Amino acid sequence: MRGAPAPKEKGMKLPTDAVMLLSFVNTKLRDEYNDLDALCDDLDVPREELEEKLSAIGYTYDPARNQFR
């Protein structure tokens, strides 16, 4: 019998490399979160900071697709 799932880790360490961050965030958005706000809230990451880092490599959040493109 399986126990209760472990609580999500608040303030977890995100990848520092922008391309790895992009992959990580898009995977999380695809598999676990309905939108960017939910991901940022759950991981305790400022949305503006995340968008700024990914914007620096030419990606913006597309809410209709729930991914950075």
Protein backbone atom coordinates (compact mmCIF):
# COMPACT_ATOMS: atom_id res chain seq x y z
CA MET A 1 0.00 0.00 0.00
CA ARG A 2 1.37 3.39 -0.95
CA GLY A 3 1.60 6.21 1.53
CA ALA A 4 0.64 9.81 0.99
CA PRO A 5 2.71 11.62 -1.65
CA ALA A 6 5.59 13.70 -0.37
CA PRO A 7 4.78 17.40 -0.09
CA LYS A 8 6.08 19.56 -2.91
CA GLU A 9 9.32 21.29 -2.08
CA LYS A 10 8.85 25.04 -1.86
CA GLY A 11 11.69 27.16 -3.16
CA MET A 12 13.36 24.24 -4.92
CA LYS A 13 16.56 24.90 -6.82
CA LEU A 14 15.82 25.52 -10.47
CA PRO A 15 18.37 24.91 -13.23
CA THR A 16 20.64 27.91 -13.70
CA ASP A 17 21.32 27.25 -17.38
CA ALA A 18 18.57 28.99 -19.37
CA VAL A 19 18.08 26.15 -21.86
CA MET A 20 17.84 23.57 -19.07
CA LEU A 21 15.43 25.89 -17.24
CA LEU A 22 13.27 26.10 -20.37
CA SER A 23 13.12 22.32 -20.63
CA PHE A 24 12.39 21.92 -16.91
CA VAL A 25 9.62 24.54 -16.88
CA ASN A 26 7.92 23.30 -20.05
CA THR A 27 7.99 19.72 -18.77
CA LYS A 28 6.45 20.80 -15.46
CA LEU A 29 3.79 22.85 -17.28
CA ARG A 30 2.94 19.92 -19.53
CA ASP A 31 2.85 17.27 -16.82
CA GLU A 32 1.83 18.96 -13.58
CA TYR A 33 0.45 22.50 -13.88
CA ASN A 34 -2.51 24.13 -15.61
CA ASP A 35 -0.75 27.48 -15.97
CA LEU A 36 2.41 29.41 -15.20
CA ASP A 37 0.95 31.08 -12.10
CA ALA A 38 0.25 27.67 -10.51
CA LEU A 39 3.81 26.51 -11.21
CA CYS A 40 5.36 29.70 -9.83
CA ASP A 41 3.16 29.62 -6.74
CA ASP A 42 3.85 25.97 -6.01
CA LEU A 43 7.62 26.25 -6.57
CA ASP A 44 7.78 29.64 -4.82
CA VAL A 45 9.40 31.29 -7.84
CA PRO A 46 8.62 34.89 -8.86
CA ARG A 47 6.87 34.74 -12.25
CA GLU A 48 8.58 37.92 -13.45
CA GLU A 49 12.01 36.47 -12.69
CA LEU A 50 11.26 33.26 -14.57
CA GLU A 51 9.83 35.11 -17.57
CA GLU A 52 12.83 37.45 -17.62
CA LYS A 53 15.33 34.56 -17.66
CA LEU A 54 13.55 32.80 -20.49
CA SER A 55 12.95 36.01 -22.40
CA ALA A 56 16.73 36.50 -22.45
CA ILE A 57 16.98 33.44 -24.73
CA GLY A 58 14.01 34.45 -26.86
CA TYR A 59 11.12 32.58 -25.20
CA THR A 60 7.82 33.95 -23.94
CA TYR A 61 4.96 32.22 -22.17
CA ASP A 62 2.02 31.26 -24.37
CA PRO A 63 -0.99 30.75 -22.09
CA ALA A 64 -3.05 29.11 -24.85
CA ARG A 65 -0.45 26.36 -25.15
CA ASN A 66 0.70 26.52 -21.53
CA GLN A 67 4.34 26.56 -22.56
CA PHE A 68 7.23 28.83 -23.33
CA ARG A 69 7.76 29.22 -27.08
